[in-house]
Protein backbone atom coordinates (compact mmCIF):
# COMPACT_ATOMS: atom_id res chain seq x y z
CA MET A 1 0.00 0.00 0.00
CA PHE A 2 2.82 2.42 0.94
CA LYS A 3 4.69 1.63 -2.27
CA ARG A 4 1.56 2.23 -4.32
CA SER A 5 1.00 5.59 -2.60
CA ILE A 6 4.57 6.68 -3.37
CA LEU A 7 4.12 5.72 -7.02
CA THR A 8 0.86 7.66 -7.20
CA LEU A 9 2.43 10.78 -5.69
CA SER A 10 5.44 10.43 -7.95
CA GLY A 11 3.21 10.23 -11.01
CA ALA A 12 1.30 13.32 -9.91
CA PHE A 13 4.38 15.53 -9.47
CA GLU A 14 6.77 14.05 -12.00
CA ARG A 15 7.03 15.49 -15.49
CA THR A 16 8.88 13.95 -18.40
CA PHE A 17 11.17 16.00 -20.64
CA GLN A 18 9.53 17.42 -23.73
CA LYS A 19 10.82 17.16 -27.29
CA GLY A 20 13.41 19.83 -28.01
CA LYS A 21 14.54 20.32 -24.41
CA VAL A 22 18.33 20.43 -24.04
CA ILE A 23 19.82 18.60 -21.05
CA GLY A 24 23.22 19.59 -19.70
CA ASP A 25 23.77 21.98 -22.61
CA ARG A 26 24.43 18.93 -24.77
CA TYR A 27 21.56 16.46 -25.21
CA ARG A 28 18.46 17.52 -27.13
CA ILE A 29 15.44 15.37 -26.36
CA GLU A 30 13.88 13.83 -29.48
CA MET A 31 11.27 11.53 -27.93
CA LEU A 32 10.36 9.44 -24.88
CA LEU A 33 11.27 5.83 -25.59
CA GLY A 34 9.72 4.32 -22.49
CA THR A 35 9.11 4.48 -18.76
CA GLY A 36 9.95 1.75 -16.28
CA GLY A 37 9.78 1.39 -12.54
CA TYR A 38 13.20 3.00 -12.15
CA GLY A 39 13.61 5.48 -14.95
CA HIS A 40 12.52 7.32 -18.07
CA SER A 41 14.45 6.56 -21.27
CA TYR A 42 14.67 9.13 -24.05
CA LEU A 43 16.07 9.22 -27.54
CA ALA A 44 18.32 12.28 -27.58
CA PHE A 45 20.64 14.01 -30.03
CA ASP A 46 24.17 14.63 -28.79
CA LEU A 47 24.94 18.20 -29.92
CA ALA A 48 28.67 17.68 -29.28
CA ASP A 49 29.21 14.36 -31.07
CA ARG A 50 26.37 14.89 -33.56
CA GLY A 51 24.68 11.55 -33.07
CA LEU A 52 21.74 9.81 -31.39
CA VAL A 53 22.04 8.46 -27.85
CA VAL A 54 19.71 7.07 -25.19
CA LEU A 55 19.39 9.31 -22.13
CA LYS A 56 18.03 7.67 -18.99
CA THR A 57 16.83 9.59 -15.91
CA LEU A 58 16.03 8.32 -12.43
CA ARG A 59 12.37 8.60 -11.51
CA LEU A 60 11.24 10.82 -8.63
CA HIS A 61 10.18 8.06 -6.23
CA LYS A 62 13.56 6.35 -6.70
CA ARG A 63 15.46 9.59 -6.14
CA LEU A 64 13.85 9.82 -2.72
CA THR A 65 15.43 6.60 -1.42
CA VAL A 66 19.04 5.60 -0.84
CA TRP A 67 18.32 2.22 -2.44
CA GLY A 68 16.86 3.84 -5.54
CA ARG A 69 19.86 6.11 -6.03
CA LYS A 70 22.24 3.23 -5.35
CA SER A 71 20.52 1.03 -7.96
CA PHE A 72 20.92 3.77 -10.56
CA GLU A 73 24.64 3.98 -9.76
CA THR A 74 24.95 0.18 -9.89
CA GLU A 75 23.42 0.08 -13.37
CA GLN A 76 26.03 2.56 -14.60
CA TYR A 77 28.86 0.72 -12.88
CA ILE A 78 27.86 -2.59 -14.47
CA MET A 79 27.50 -1.03 -17.91
CA GLN A 80 31.03 0.33 -17.64
CA GLN A 81 32.31 -3.22 -17.04
CA THR A 82 30.95 -4.49 -20.35
CA ASN A 83 32.21 -4.30 -23.91
CA HIS A 84 30.02 -6.37 -26.23
CA ARG A 85 28.28 -5.49 -29.50
CA GLY A 86 25.06 -7.02 -28.17
CA LEU A 87 24.93 -4.58 -25.23
CA PRO A 88 24.62 -0.76 -25.28
CA ALA A 89 27.87 1.04 -24.44
CA PHE A 90 27.95 3.50 -21.55
CA TYR A 91 28.85 7.09 -22.51
CA GLY A 92 28.61 9.43 -19.53
CA ASN A 93 26.44 10.85 -16.74
CA GLY A 94 25.39 14.04 -15.03
CA ILE A 95 22.72 15.80 -12.98
CA TYR A 96 20.19 18.19 -14.48
CA ARG A 97 18.19 20.30 -12.02
CA GLY A 98 18.52 17.62 -9.36
CA ILE A 99 17.70 14.76 -11.75
CA PRO A 100 20.48 12.18 -12.20
CA TYR A 101 20.91 10.91 -15.76
CA PHE A 102 23.31 8.94 -17.89
CA THR A 103 23.71 8.36 -21.61
CA MET A 104 24.39 5.22 -23.56
CA GLU A 105 24.58 3.86 -27.08
CA TYR A 106 21.36 3.86 -29.07
CA LYS A 107 20.77 0.40 -30.50
CA VAL A 108 18.65 0.47 -33.65
CA GLY A 109 15.91 -2.14 -33.68
CA LYS A 110 12.50 -3.07 -32.30
CA ASN A 111 11.87 -5.06 -29.18
CA PHE A 112 9.97 -8.31 -29.29
CA GLU A 113 6.97 -6.83 -27.52
CA GLN A 114 6.59 -4.44 -30.46
CA LEU A 115 7.29 -7.13 -33.04
CA ILE A 116 4.77 -9.62 -31.63
CA PHE A 117 1.95 -7.47 -30.28
CA HIS A 118 2.10 -4.43 -32.56
CA GLU A 119 3.45 -5.77 -35.83
CA GLY A 120 1.93 -9.25 -35.61
CA MET A 121 5.15 -11.15 -36.24
CA SER A 122 5.15 -14.85 -35.45
CA PHE A 123 8.06 -17.16 -34.77
CA LYS A 124 8.21 -20.87 -35.41
CA GLU A 125 10.29 -23.23 -33.30
CA GLN A 126 13.53 -22.89 -35.28
CA ASP A 127 13.18 -19.10 -35.48
CA ALA A 128 12.56 -18.78 -31.74
CA PHE A 129 15.46 -21.00 -30.76
CA GLY A 130 17.74 -19.32 -33.30
CA ILE A 131 17.06 -16.00 -31.59
CA ALA A 132 17.57 -17.56 -28.16
CA TYR A 133 20.89 -18.99 -29.37
CA LYS A 134 22.13 -15.49 -30.28
CA LEU A 135 20.79 -14.04 -27.04
CA LEU A 136 22.68 -16.68 -25.05
CA GLY A 137 25.90 -15.39 -26.58
CA ILE A 138 25.25 -12.06 -24.83
CA VAL A 139 24.01 -13.59 -21.59
CA GLY A 140 27.00 -15.92 -21.50
CA TYR A 141 29.32 -12.93 -21.83
CA LEU A 142 27.63 -11.27 -18.83
CA HIS A 143 27.88 -14.47 -16.81
CA GLU A 144 31.62 -14.67 -17.54
CA LEU A 145 31.85 -11.25 -15.86
CA LYS A 146 29.74 -12.64 -12.98
CA ILE A 147 26.87 -10.30 -13.94
CA ILE A 148 23.27 -11.50 -13.79
CA HIS A 149 20.86 -9.51 -15.97
CA ARG A 150 17.71 -10.52 -14.00
CA ASP A 151 15.29 -8.95 -16.46
CA ILE A 152 15.32 -10.98 -19.67
CA ARG A 153 11.90 -10.16 -21.12
CA ILE A 154 10.49 -9.38 -24.56
CA PRO A 155 10.64 -5.56 -24.02
CA ASN A 156 14.36 -5.82 -23.25
CA VAL A 157 15.47 -7.79 -26.30
CA LEU A 158 15.82 -5.96 -29.62
CA MET A 159 16.18 -7.30 -33.13
CA ASP A 160 17.48 -5.47 -36.18
CA ASN A 161 17.63 -7.72 -39.23
CA ASP A 162 19.83 -10.60 -38.00
CA GLU A 163 21.25 -8.76 -35.00
CA VAL A 164 19.96 -9.34 -31.48
CA TYR A 165 20.59 -6.92 -28.59
CA LEU A 166 19.95 -7.12 -24.85
CA ILE A 167 19.17 -3.81 -23.16
CA ASP A 168 18.19 -2.40 -19.75
CA LEU A 169 20.63 -3.46 -17.05
CA GLY A 170 18.58 -1.65 -14.41
CA LEU A 171 18.07 -4.80 -12.36
CA ALA A 172 21.46 -6.37 -13.10
CA GLN A 173 23.58 -7.45 -10.15
CA LYS A 174 26.88 -9.13 -9.49
CA ALA A 175 26.32 -12.86 -9.07
CA ASP A 176 25.82 -14.25 -5.59
CA MET A 177 28.00 -17.32 -5.90
CA GLY A 178 26.79 -18.64 -2.57
CA GLN A 179 23.15 -18.78 -3.68
CA VAL A 180 22.48 -22.35 -4.73
CA SER A 181 18.81 -22.87 -3.91
CA PHE A 182 15.90 -21.07 -5.52
CA PRO A 183 12.52 -20.37 -3.90
CA GLY A 184 9.63 -21.64 -5.94
CA SER A 185 7.72 -18.42 -6.61
CA HIS A 186 7.97 -16.69 -9.99
CA ARG A 187 8.97 -13.39 -8.36
CA SER A 188 11.69 -14.99 -6.24
CA LEU A 189 13.16 -16.80 -9.22
CA ARG A 190 13.26 -13.56 -11.21
CA LYS A 191 15.04 -11.70 -8.39
CA ALA A 192 17.69 -14.34 -7.69
CA LYS A 193 21.30 -13.29 -8.30
CA ASN A 194 22.45 -16.45 -10.02
CA ARG A 195 22.53 -17.92 -13.51
CA PRO A 196 19.25 -19.87 -13.29
CA SER A 197 17.48 -16.51 -12.76
CA ASP A 198 18.47 -15.51 -16.30
CA PHE A 199 17.72 -18.99 -17.64
CA TYR A 200 14.24 -18.78 -16.09
CA GLY A 201 13.69 -15.44 -17.84
CA LEU A 202 14.92 -16.95 -21.11
CA GLY A 203 12.41 -19.78 -20.75
CA HIS A 204 9.53 -17.32 -20.55
CA PHE A 205 11.01 -15.27 -23.39
CA LEU A 206 10.95 -18.40 -25.57
CA LEU A 207 7.35 -19.13 -24.62
CA PHE A 208 6.29 -15.66 -25.77
CA LEU A 209 7.99 -16.23 -29.12
CA LEU A 210 6.48 -19.69 -29.55
CA TYR A 211 2.98 -18.54 -28.59
CA SER A 212 3.18 -15.88 -31.31
CA SER A 213 2.39 -18.63 -33.85
CA TYR A 214 -0.26 -20.35 -31.71
CA SER A 215 -3.94 -19.91 -32.54
CA PRO A 216 -6.41 -21.55 -30.13
CA LYS A 217 -9.61 -23.01 -31.46
CA GLU A 218 -12.79 -21.11 -30.68
CA GLY A 219 -14.17 -22.09 -27.29
CA GLN A 220 -11.10 -24.14 -26.43
CA PRO A 221 -10.34 -24.10 -22.69
CA GLU A 222 -6.99 -22.76 -21.60
CA LYS A 223 -4.35 -25.42 -21.05
CA SER A 224 -0.69 -25.50 -20.03
CA TRP A 225 1.99 -24.51 -22.55
CA GLU A 226 3.06 -28.14 -22.80
CA GLU A 227 -0.41 -29.10 -23.98
CA GLU A 228 -1.01 -26.12 -26.27
CA LEU A 229 2.29 -25.70 -28.09
CA ARG A 230 3.17 -28.15 -30.85
CA ILE A 231 6.93 -28.26 -30.44
CA SER A 232 9.56 -30.96 -30.68
CA PRO A 233 10.46 -33.11 -27.66
CA LYS A 234 13.90 -31.48 -27.59
CA ALA A 235 12.42 -27.99 -27.50
CA ARG A 236 10.06 -29.03 -24.72
CA LYS A 237 12.95 -30.51 -22.75
CA ILE A 238 15.01 -27.32 -23.06
CA ILE A 239 12.17 -25.12 -21.84
CA ARG A 240 11.38 -27.44 -18.94
CA ARG A 241 14.99 -27.20 -17.80
CA LEU A 242 15.06 -23.40 -18.24
CA LEU A 243 11.93 -23.10 -16.11
CA LEU A 244 13.46 -25.39 -13.47
CA ILE A 245 10.74 -28.00 -13.95
CA GLU A 246 13.56 -30.43 -14.62
CA SER A 247 17.25 -30.34 -13.65
CA GLU A 248 18.64 -26.83 -14.11
CA TYR A 249 21.29 -25.87 -16.65
CA THR A 250 24.73 -25.04 -15.34
CA ASP A 251 25.79 -22.50 -17.97
CA CYS A 252 24.91 -20.90 -21.31
CA LEU A 253 27.21 -23.19 -23.27
CA GLU A 254 25.20 -26.23 -22.18
CA ILE A 255 21.97 -24.58 -23.35
CA ARG A 256 23.50 -23.56 -26.68
CA ARG A 257 24.64 -27.12 -27.31
CA ASP A 258 21.10 -28.37 -26.81
CA ILE A 259 19.70 -25.65 -29.07
CA GLU A 260 22.22 -26.57 -31.76
CA GLN A 261 20.51 -29.95 -32.03
CA ILE A 262 17.26 -28.20 -32.96
CA LEU A 263 18.93 -25.83 -35.42
CA CYS A 264 21.06 -28.56 -37.05
CA LYS A 265 18.02 -30.80 -37.44
CA GLU A 266 16.28 -28.05 -39.42
CA GLU A 267 19.34 -27.47 -41.62
CA ASN A 268 19.59 -31.18 -42.40
CA LYS A 269 16.05 -31.14 -43.81
CA HIS A 270 17.29 -28.94 -46.66
CA VAL A 271 20.35 -31.04 -47.53
CA VAL A 272 19.98 -32.63 -50.98
CA ILE A 273 21.77 -35.97 -51.38
């Protein structure tokens, strides 16, 4: 109740930057890209370097708490540890009229929420697992740095032609290597600071992609994903392990090896002997 009241008050007093406003005598706001629980993200034009960037500000209700401010700093710190084409690069930060902000690389593309729900794109099994395979290359890189993304969802994965990008490290944390058990609730699994947290998110990401090509019959009662989706036994096995229904995966390489079996099987169908 208290948290909801803070959010309501924040929404009443908080104002987003308008198009054309210049922040820090350098960044001209072009448009609001999106608003999350922690921040507002804008597309901005860098007047110094003459290029587009993403400018992220910390929301009012998060500025009022030590934890909120610390989380914003942690996101920037983690971004500065990374150097991967699948992740946005960190540029710089500042404070504008009491509002902390930082800038990062603008990755061209559309997220999978837009692609599925606004553009009506659908993904078959091989397409979905091909995308997951590329995404695991990015997630595996983060895990090598002992960074857990903790927010792998369709709004945070972009695609531009054949390129896949993972954005929004707002919930990312350094891995808790001592955490070996995972509470059973969906929320607890998402918030864990260990690899299976990201694998769990990837499992749900895959389900969204696979459901994009599912059409229920009229009047058909809702069933579990295992009953509704017509996917191969191997695909089903992978998702069950990602969702911790069966034995959990140990690392991204193990998952990619399993996915390769799905992708290679599809390629072999087109081999002419």
